[in-house]
Amino acid sequence: MSIYLTIVHNNDTKITKLRKGKVTISIPYKLGKKEKAENIAVYFIDKKGNIKKISGSVYNSKKKTLTFTTKSLSHFAVGHKNK
């Protein structure tokens, strides 16, 4: 599982909350030899370490990116979907 921290700046100001907004994020990700695109998902990790799958994440095999939309900026993980 790969972990990512999202940080957004507006000039010199760090943006930590989106209020009512959303952001679409694309993460570069190369599938492993035994991984299938349909089994890869993005997970949100909250401040307490709880993990929640983000629905609607999509892997683009041409661009080798995993794209998802979220209402928060935090830690995210890329891993296999739970069946």
C-alpha atoms as a PDB file:
ATOM      1  CA  MET A   1       0.000   0.000   0.000  1.00  0.00           C
ATOM      2  CA  SER A   2       1.325   3.459  -0.917  1.00  0.00           C
ATOM      3  CA  ILE A   3       0.528   6.460   1.327  1.00  0.00           C
ATOM      4  CA  TYR A   4       0.132  10.041   0.009  1.00  0.00           C
ATOM      5  CA  LEU A   5      -0.261  13.366   1.827  1.00  0.00           C
ATOM      6  CA  THR A   6      -2.079  16.091  -0.083  1.00  0.00           C
ATOM      7  CA  ILE A   7      -0.897  19.664   0.441  1.00  0.00           C
ATOM      8  CA  VAL A   8      -2.355  22.592  -1.477  1.00  0.00           C
ATOM      9  CA  HIS A   9      -1.058  26.171  -1.418  1.00  0.00           C
ATOM     10  CA  ASN A  10      -2.533  29.454  -2.636  1.00  0.00           C
ATOM     11  CA  ASN A  11       0.542  31.653  -2.959  1.00  0.00           C
ATOM     12  CA  ASP A  12       2.117  31.347   0.517  1.00  0.00           C
ATOM     13  CA  THR A  13      -1.060  30.164   2.256  1.00  0.00           C
ATOM     14  CA  LYS A  14      -1.510  26.465   2.993  1.00  0.00           C
ATOM     15  CA  ILE A  15      -5.086  25.336   2.307  1.00  0.00           C
ATOM     16  CA  THR A  16      -6.227  22.737   4.838  1.00  0.00           C
ATOM     17  CA  LYS A  17     -10.022  22.816   4.446  1.00  0.00           C
ATOM     18  CA  LEU A  18     -12.171  22.926   1.332  1.00  0.00           C
ATOM     19  CA  ARG A  19     -15.310  24.040   3.207  1.00  0.00           C
ATOM     20  CA  LYS A  20     -18.118  23.017   0.839  1.00  0.00           C
ATOM     21  CA  GLY A  21     -15.849  22.433  -2.136  1.00  0.00           C
ATOM     22  CA  LYS A  22     -14.340  19.332  -3.686  1.00  0.00           C
ATOM     23  CA  VAL A  23     -11.040  18.617  -5.372  1.00  0.00           C
ATOM     24  CA  THR A  24     -10.118  16.022  -7.988  1.00  0.00           C
ATOM     25  CA  ILE A  25      -6.688  14.451  -7.470  1.00  0.00           C
ATOM     26  CA  SER A  26      -4.671  12.266  -9.860  1.00  0.00           C
ATOM     27  CA  ILE A  27      -1.889  10.158  -8.365  1.00  0.00           C
ATOM     28  CA  PRO A  28       0.791   8.600 -10.578  1.00  0.00           C
ATOM     29  CA  TYR A  29       0.584   4.847 -10.030  1.00  0.00           C
ATOM     30  CA  LYS A  30       2.169   1.977 -11.922  1.00  0.00           C
ATOM     31  CA  LEU A  31       0.403  -1.348 -11.538  1.00  0.00           C
ATOM     32  CA  GLY A  32       2.448  -4.204 -10.154  1.00  0.00           C
ATOM     33  CA  LYS A  33       2.894  -7.351 -12.254  1.00  0.00           C
ATOM     34  CA  LYS A  34      -0.011  -9.150 -10.559  1.00  0.00           C
ATOM     35  CA  GLU A  35      -2.267  -6.104 -10.064  1.00  0.00           C
ATOM     36  CA  LYS A  36      -5.367  -5.419 -12.137  1.00  0.00           C
ATOM     37  CA  ALA A  37      -6.739  -1.890 -12.639  1.00  0.00           C
ATOM     38  CA  GLU A  38     -10.232  -2.883 -11.488  1.00  0.00           C
ATOM     39  CA  ASN A  39      -8.843  -4.050  -8.118  1.00  0.00           C
ATOM     40  CA  ILE A  40      -7.043  -0.796  -7.227  1.00  0.00           C
ATOM     41  CA  ALA A  41      -8.739   1.806  -5.000  1.00  0.00           C
ATOM     42  CA  VAL A  42      -7.992   4.956  -3.016  1.00  0.00           C
ATOM     43  CA  TYR A  43      -8.531   5.035   0.741  1.00  0.00           C
ATOM     44  CA  PHE A  44      -8.902   8.062   3.039  1.00  0.00           C
ATOM     45  CA  ILE A  45      -6.929   7.927   6.313  1.00  0.00           C
ATOM     46  CA  ASP A  46      -8.367  10.147   9.056  1.00  0.00           C
ATOM     47  CA  LYS A  47      -6.491  11.739  11.991  1.00  0.00           C
ATOM     48  CA  LYS A  48      -7.160   8.680  14.161  1.00  0.00           C
ATOM     49  CA  GLY A  49      -5.782   6.279  11.548  1.00  0.00           C
ATOM     50  CA  ASN A  50      -9.162   4.938  10.446  1.00  0.00           C
ATOM     51  CA  ILE A  51      -9.281   3.896   6.785  1.00  0.00           C
ATOM     52  CA  LYS A  52     -12.293   4.406   4.497  1.00  0.00           C
ATOM     53  CA  LYS A  53     -12.509   3.494   0.808  1.00  0.00           C
ATOM     54  CA  ILE A  54     -13.254   6.424  -1.504  1.00  0.00           C
ATOM     55  CA  SER A  55     -15.869   5.404  -4.026  1.00  0.00           C
ATOM     56  CA  GLY A  56     -15.446   6.348  -7.657  1.00  0.00           C
ATOM     57  CA  SER A  57     -11.667   6.178  -7.920  1.00  0.00           C
ATOM     58  CA  VAL A  58     -10.609   5.337 -11.486  1.00  0.00           C
ATOM     59  CA  TYR A  59      -7.318   3.963 -12.827  1.00  0.00           C
ATOM     60  CA  ASN A  60      -6.230   5.301 -16.237  1.00  0.00           C
ATOM     61  CA  SER A  61      -3.940   2.672 -17.776  1.00  0.00           C
ATOM     62  CA  LYS A  62      -2.720   5.013 -20.543  1.00  0.00           C
ATOM     63  CA  LYS A  63      -1.678   7.811 -18.176  1.00  0.00           C
ATOM     64  CA  LYS A  64      -0.831   5.398 -15.335  1.00  0.00           C
ATOM     65  CA  THR A  65      -2.784   7.516 -12.846  1.00  0.00           C
ATOM     66  CA  LEU A  66      -5.427   6.885 -10.226  1.00  0.00           C
ATOM     67  CA  THR A  67      -7.990   9.705 -10.066  1.00  0.00           C
ATOM     68  CA  PHE A  68     -10.518  10.448  -7.335  1.00  0.00           C
ATOM     69  CA  THR A  69     -12.618  13.318  -5.976  1.00  0.00           C
ATOM     70  CA  THR A  70     -12.654  14.264  -2.293  1.00  0.00           C
ATOM     71  CA  LYS A  71     -14.042  16.884   0.077  1.00  0.00           C
ATOM     72  CA  SER A  72     -10.944  16.880   2.292  1.00  0.00           C
ATOM     73  CA  LEU A  73      -7.179  17.231   2.080  1.00  0.00           C
ATOM     74  CA  SER A  74      -5.423  14.638   4.155  1.00  0.00           C
ATOM     75  CA  HIS A  75      -3.588  11.324   3.944  1.00  0.00           C
ATOM     76  CA  PHE A  76      -4.644   8.879   1.266  1.00  0.00           C
ATOM     77  CA  ALA A  77      -3.541   5.344   0.440  1.00  0.00           C
ATOM     78  CA  VAL A  78      -3.604   3.339  -2.769  1.00  0.00           C
ATOM     79  CA  GLY A  79      -4.274  -0.364  -2.396  1.00  0.00           C
ATOM     80  CA  HIS A  80      -6.396  -3.329  -3.416  1.00  0.00           C
ATOM     81  CA  LYS A  81     -10.171  -3.197  -3.033  1.00  0.00           C
ATOM     82  CA  ASN A  82     -11.631  -5.355  -0.314  1.00  0.00           C
ATOM     83  CA  LYS A  83     -13.923  -8.019  -1.729  1.00  0.00           C
END
